Structure formats: C-alpha cells, structure tokens
Amino acid sequence: VLFQHIGVTCLETVIGFLLGTLLGVAVAITLWWSKFFSKVAEPYLVVLNSLPKIALGPVFIVWIGAGPVAIIVMTLAISLIVTILEVLNGFLAIDQEKIKLVHIFGGNKFQVLTKVLLPASFPNIINALKVNVGLSWVGVIVGEFLVSKAGLGYLIVYGGQVFKLDLVMTSVVILGVAAALMYQGVVCLERFILRKNERRFLN
C-alpha cells in the first residue's frame, strides 16, 4: 500500500515537473521571438510571479475539480513562471555581437536560437530544472494535502489526524529521499550533456 502512495506522488511530480519545464522553455522562446508578445506578457508575468502560487490551490480545485489533474496543474503553476524567467534571462544575457555575427553570415532567427541562444543558455536551463525539482514536490504535496485520497501528502495529513507520528515521519523521509534522487538525476543529465559537448568539441 505504501508503494502505491509513493507511485502516485512520484507520477504527479514527474508530470508536473516535465510540463512546467517544457512549457516554460517554450514560452520563454516565444517571448524572445516576438517583441510584441513580450511587451504584452511582461506585466502579467510580474504579477503572476508575485502571487503566492500555493494560495491558488483552492481556485484550481474549484475550476478543475478534486483529483490528480488539479494537483498537476498546481505543480505546473508553481514551476512555470520560474522556468520562463530563468530561461528568458539567459536569452537576454547573450552577447549581442554573437547574434549579429550569425546574421552577418546569413543566419536566420531560428539558427540564432538553435546555434547561439539555447547552447549559451544551457546553465540557465539546468538551474531552472534544479529549482523546479523542489517546487514540483512542494506543489504536489500541497495539492495532496487539499484534495487527494492517495499519495505521500495524503499519508502525512492522515497520519496527523490519527496521531500516527511514525507514518508522518516515514512519509517525510521518503519525500526527502525521492526529491534528492530526482535532483541527482538532473545533475547526472547536466554532466552527461557537458561530456557529450566536450567530446564533440575535441573531435
């Protein structure tokens, strides 16, 4: 039974983590690509970034309904804005001379994105991934506190209600281990990509 609860929480976390990262990078690319969209979206991003995302949990539950989807959407909302801002800042910090050089040699905007911006922003993307690991777990656990009937967050709430401290502590320890393993997964991904790029450069 415990493994079933672990599986539910891990699945919700991974889905929310991947969606938040992929959508965040996609929106950051769109903001860089379109100056008009960037100007329109900037004030909304500032407002959304200042909002306490956890407080929006009840709103998501009312809109979407109680269930895994609401938990995943809450996780997505927590990690999305951080990813957008981190990746976009990486794009905007690129030396403009490099971009001009690509244009001089006949490169188009897509080539600037794939050959200059994304490789140069790799540290920002990895940082966003590392931050999103923690945020995704927070989003899922808070969501499970509110609506779930399964998962580690539910076990923590249930254990507190029936005064089973061992159940609460076991769930907390498992959460810590799972979050650490997920973070190490991102670190391993970073090392793998760096080694691959080093080999390509040497060849």
Protein backbone atom coordinates (compact mmCIF):
# COMPACT_ATOMS: atom_id res chain seq x y z
CA VAL A 1 0.00 0.00 0.00
CA LEU A 2 2.84 2.39 0.84
CA PHE A 3 4.45 1.81 -2.55
CA GLN A 4 1.16 2.67 -4.23
CA HIS A 5 1.10 6.04 -2.45
CA ILE A 6 4.76 6.62 -3.38
CA GLY A 7 3.98 5.83 -7.02
CA VAL A 8 1.05 8.26 -7.12
CA THR A 9 3.10 11.14 -5.71
CA CYS A 10 6.13 10.42 -7.92
CA LEU A 11 3.99 10.22 -11.07
CA GLU A 12 2.23 13.51 -10.32
CA THR A 13 5.56 15.17 -9.55
CA VAL A 14 7.30 13.97 -12.71
CA ILE A 15 4.38 15.00 -14.94
CA GLY A 16 4.16 18.45 -13.33
CA PHE A 17 7.95 18.85 -13.48
CA LEU A 18 8.16 17.95 -17.18
CA LEU A 19 5.17 20.09 -18.15
CA GLY A 20 6.45 23.09 -16.19
CA THR A 21 9.90 22.81 -17.75
CA LEU A 22 8.81 22.21 -21.35
CA LEU A 23 6.07 24.85 -21.34
CA GLY A 24 8.34 27.31 -19.55
CA VAL A 25 11.09 26.94 -22.16
CA ALA A 26 8.51 27.18 -24.97
CA VAL A 27 7.01 30.39 -23.55
CA ALA A 28 10.49 31.87 -22.99
CA ILE A 29 11.37 31.17 -26.63
CA THR A 30 8.09 32.79 -27.73
CA LEU A 31 8.77 35.88 -25.61
CA TRP A 32 12.25 36.22 -27.13
CA TRP A 33 10.97 35.59 -30.65
CA SER A 34 8.13 38.13 -30.54
CA LYS A 35 8.85 41.57 -29.10
CA PHE A 36 5.14 42.40 -29.22
CA PHE A 37 4.19 39.31 -27.23
CA SER A 38 7.00 40.05 -24.78
CA LYS A 39 5.73 43.58 -24.12
CA VAL A 40 2.15 42.35 -23.67
CA ALA A 41 3.08 39.44 -21.39
CA GLU A 42 5.69 41.19 -19.22
CA PRO A 43 3.29 42.87 -16.75
CA TYR A 44 1.31 39.64 -16.36
CA LEU A 45 4.49 37.69 -15.65
CA VAL A 46 5.45 40.18 -12.95
CA VAL A 47 2.03 39.88 -11.31
CA LEU A 48 1.95 36.08 -11.57
CA ASN A 49 5.46 35.81 -10.16
CA SER A 50 4.48 37.87 -7.12
CA LEU A 51 1.38 35.80 -6.36
CA PRO A 52 1.63 33.05 -3.72
CA LYS A 53 1.00 30.06 -6.02
CA ILE A 54 0.06 27.76 -3.14
CA ALA A 55 -2.83 30.07 -2.27
CA LEU A 56 -4.26 29.37 -5.74
CA GLY A 57 -4.78 25.71 -4.86
CA PRO A 58 -8.45 26.11 -3.87
CA VAL A 59 -9.06 28.08 -7.08
CA PHE A 60 -7.69 25.22 -9.21
CA ILE A 61 -9.83 22.75 -7.27
CA VAL A 62 -12.99 24.78 -7.96
CA TRP A 63 -12.14 25.20 -11.66
CA ILE A 64 -10.84 21.71 -12.41
CA GLY A 65 -12.29 19.56 -9.67
CA ALA A 66 -10.71 17.48 -6.95
CA GLY A 67 -8.31 14.95 -8.43
CA PRO A 68 -4.84 14.34 -9.87
CA VAL A 69 -5.34 16.89 -12.67
CA ALA A 70 -5.79 19.73 -10.17
CA ILE A 71 -2.63 18.63 -8.35
CA ILE A 72 -0.62 18.53 -11.59
CA VAL A 73 -1.94 21.95 -12.65
CA MET A 74 -0.94 23.37 -9.28
CA THR A 75 2.55 21.91 -9.69
CA LEU A 76 2.71 23.36 -13.19
CA ALA A 77 1.65 26.81 -11.96
CA ILE A 78 4.36 26.85 -9.29
CA SER A 79 7.23 25.88 -11.61
CA LEU A 80 6.15 27.54 -14.88
CA ILE A 81 6.88 31.20 -14.10
CA VAL A 82 10.28 30.40 -12.58
CA THR A 83 11.28 28.50 -15.71
CA ILE A 84 10.11 31.27 -18.03
CA LEU A 85 12.00 33.99 -16.17
CA GLU A 86 15.19 31.94 -15.72
CA VAL A 87 15.43 30.86 -19.36
CA LEU A 88 14.40 34.27 -20.72
CA ASN A 89 17.06 35.99 -18.59
CA GLY A 90 19.57 33.58 -20.08
CA PHE A 91 18.48 34.53 -23.59
CA LEU A 92 18.66 38.27 -22.87
CA ALA A 93 22.12 37.98 -21.31
CA ILE A 94 23.66 36.65 -24.54
CA ASP A 95 26.25 38.92 -26.13
CA GLN A 96 24.51 40.73 -28.99
CA GLU A 97 27.71 40.66 -31.03
CA LYS A 98 27.39 36.88 -31.35
CA ILE A 99 23.86 37.26 -32.68
CA LYS A 100 24.98 39.94 -35.14
CA LEU A 101 27.76 37.65 -36.33
CA VAL A 102 25.26 34.91 -37.16
CA HIS A 103 23.17 37.41 -39.13
CA ILE A 104 26.26 38.64 -41.00
CA PHE A 105 26.94 35.09 -42.19
CA GLY A 106 23.35 34.79 -43.43
CA GLY A 107 21.84 33.03 -40.43
CA ASN A 108 18.14 33.42 -39.69
CA LYS A 109 16.34 33.82 -36.38
CA PHE A 110 15.82 30.07 -35.95
CA GLN A 111 19.54 29.44 -36.40
CA VAL A 112 20.30 32.15 -33.83
CA LEU A 113 18.01 30.31 -31.42
CA THR A 114 19.40 26.82 -32.01
CA LYS A 115 23.08 27.66 -32.56
CA VAL A 116 23.58 30.54 -30.11
CA LEU A 117 20.81 31.08 -27.57
CA LEU A 118 19.95 27.55 -26.47
CA PRO A 119 23.58 26.33 -26.13
CA ALA A 120 24.65 29.52 -24.33
CA SER A 121 21.62 29.37 -22.02
CA PHE A 122 22.29 25.77 -21.01
CA PRO A 123 23.36 26.78 -17.45
CA ASN A 124 20.12 28.75 -17.01
CA ILE A 125 18.02 25.83 -18.22
CA ILE A 126 19.79 23.44 -15.85
CA ASN A 127 19.33 25.91 -12.97
CA ALA A 128 15.63 26.08 -13.80
CA LEU A 129 15.46 22.28 -13.73
CA LYS A 130 17.17 22.15 -10.34
CA VAL A 131 14.84 24.76 -8.86
CA ASN A 132 11.81 23.03 -10.39
CA VAL A 133 12.64 19.78 -8.62
CA GLY A 134 11.90 21.35 -5.25
CA LEU A 135 8.98 23.42 -6.49
CA SER A 136 7.34 20.40 -8.12
CA TRP A 137 7.44 18.40 -4.90
CA VAL A 138 6.02 21.35 -2.97
CA GLY A 139 3.18 21.74 -5.47
CA VAL A 140 2.26 18.07 -5.41
CA ILE A 141 2.38 17.71 -1.63
CA VAL A 142 0.28 20.83 -1.04
CA GLY A 143 -2.19 19.61 -3.67
CA GLU A 144 -2.40 16.24 -1.94
CA PHE A 145 -2.93 18.00 1.39
CA LEU A 146 -6.01 19.67 -0.10
CA VAL A 147 -7.77 17.11 -2.28
CA SER A 148 -6.02 13.77 -2.68
CA LYS A 149 -7.05 10.42 -1.27
CA ALA A 150 -3.71 8.87 -2.23
CA GLY A 151 -0.07 9.89 -2.15
CA LEU A 152 2.52 10.82 0.44
CA GLY A 153 0.87 14.16 1.14
CA TYR A 154 -2.36 12.35 1.96
CA LEU A 155 -0.47 9.98 4.27
CA ILE A 156 1.05 12.93 6.13
CA VAL A 157 -2.38 14.51 6.65
CA TYR A 158 -3.95 11.18 7.61
CA GLY A 159 -1.11 10.35 9.99
CA GLY A 160 -1.51 13.71 11.68
CA GLN A 161 -5.27 13.24 12.07
CA VAL A 162 -4.95 9.80 13.71
CA PHE A 163 -1.78 10.73 15.66
CA LYS A 164 0.46 8.22 13.86
CA LEU A 165 3.79 10.01 14.08
CA ASP A 166 5.64 7.05 12.55
CA LEU A 167 3.51 7.30 9.39
CA VAL A 168 4.12 11.05 9.15
CA MET A 169 7.88 10.75 9.64
CA THR A 170 8.17 7.82 7.23
CA SER A 171 6.36 9.81 4.55
CA VAL A 172 8.56 12.86 5.15
CA VAL A 173 11.76 10.79 4.94
CA ILE A 174 10.59 9.13 1.72
CA LEU A 175 9.80 12.56 0.28
CA GLY A 176 13.28 13.79 1.13
CA VAL A 177 14.94 10.75 -0.44
CA ALA A 178 12.78 10.95 -3.59
CA ALA A 179 13.48 14.68 -4.02
CA ALA A 180 17.22 14.10 -3.55
CA LEU A 181 17.21 11.31 -6.15
CA MET A 182 15.32 13.50 -8.61
CA TYR A 183 17.80 16.32 -8.07
CA GLN A 184 20.70 13.93 -8.65
CA GLY A 185 19.00 12.88 -11.87
CA VAL A 186 19.18 16.48 -13.08
CA VAL A 187 22.84 16.68 -12.03
CA CYS A 188 23.60 13.48 -13.97
CA LEU A 189 21.80 14.90 -17.01
CA GLU A 190 23.93 18.04 -16.76
CA ARG A 191 27.15 16.02 -16.59
CA PHE A 192 26.09 13.80 -19.49
CA ILE A 193 25.36 16.75 -21.77
CA LEU A 194 28.59 18.53 -20.80
CA ARG A 195 30.66 15.41 -21.51
CA LYS A 196 28.90 14.92 -24.83
CA ASN A 197 29.65 18.51 -25.83
CA GLU A 198 33.29 18.13 -24.75
CA ARG A 199 33.70 15.03 -26.91
CA ARG A 200 32.08 16.78 -29.86
CA PHE A 201 34.42 19.76 -29.39
CA LEU A 202 37.52 17.52 -29.19
CA ASN A 203 36.50 15.59 -32.28
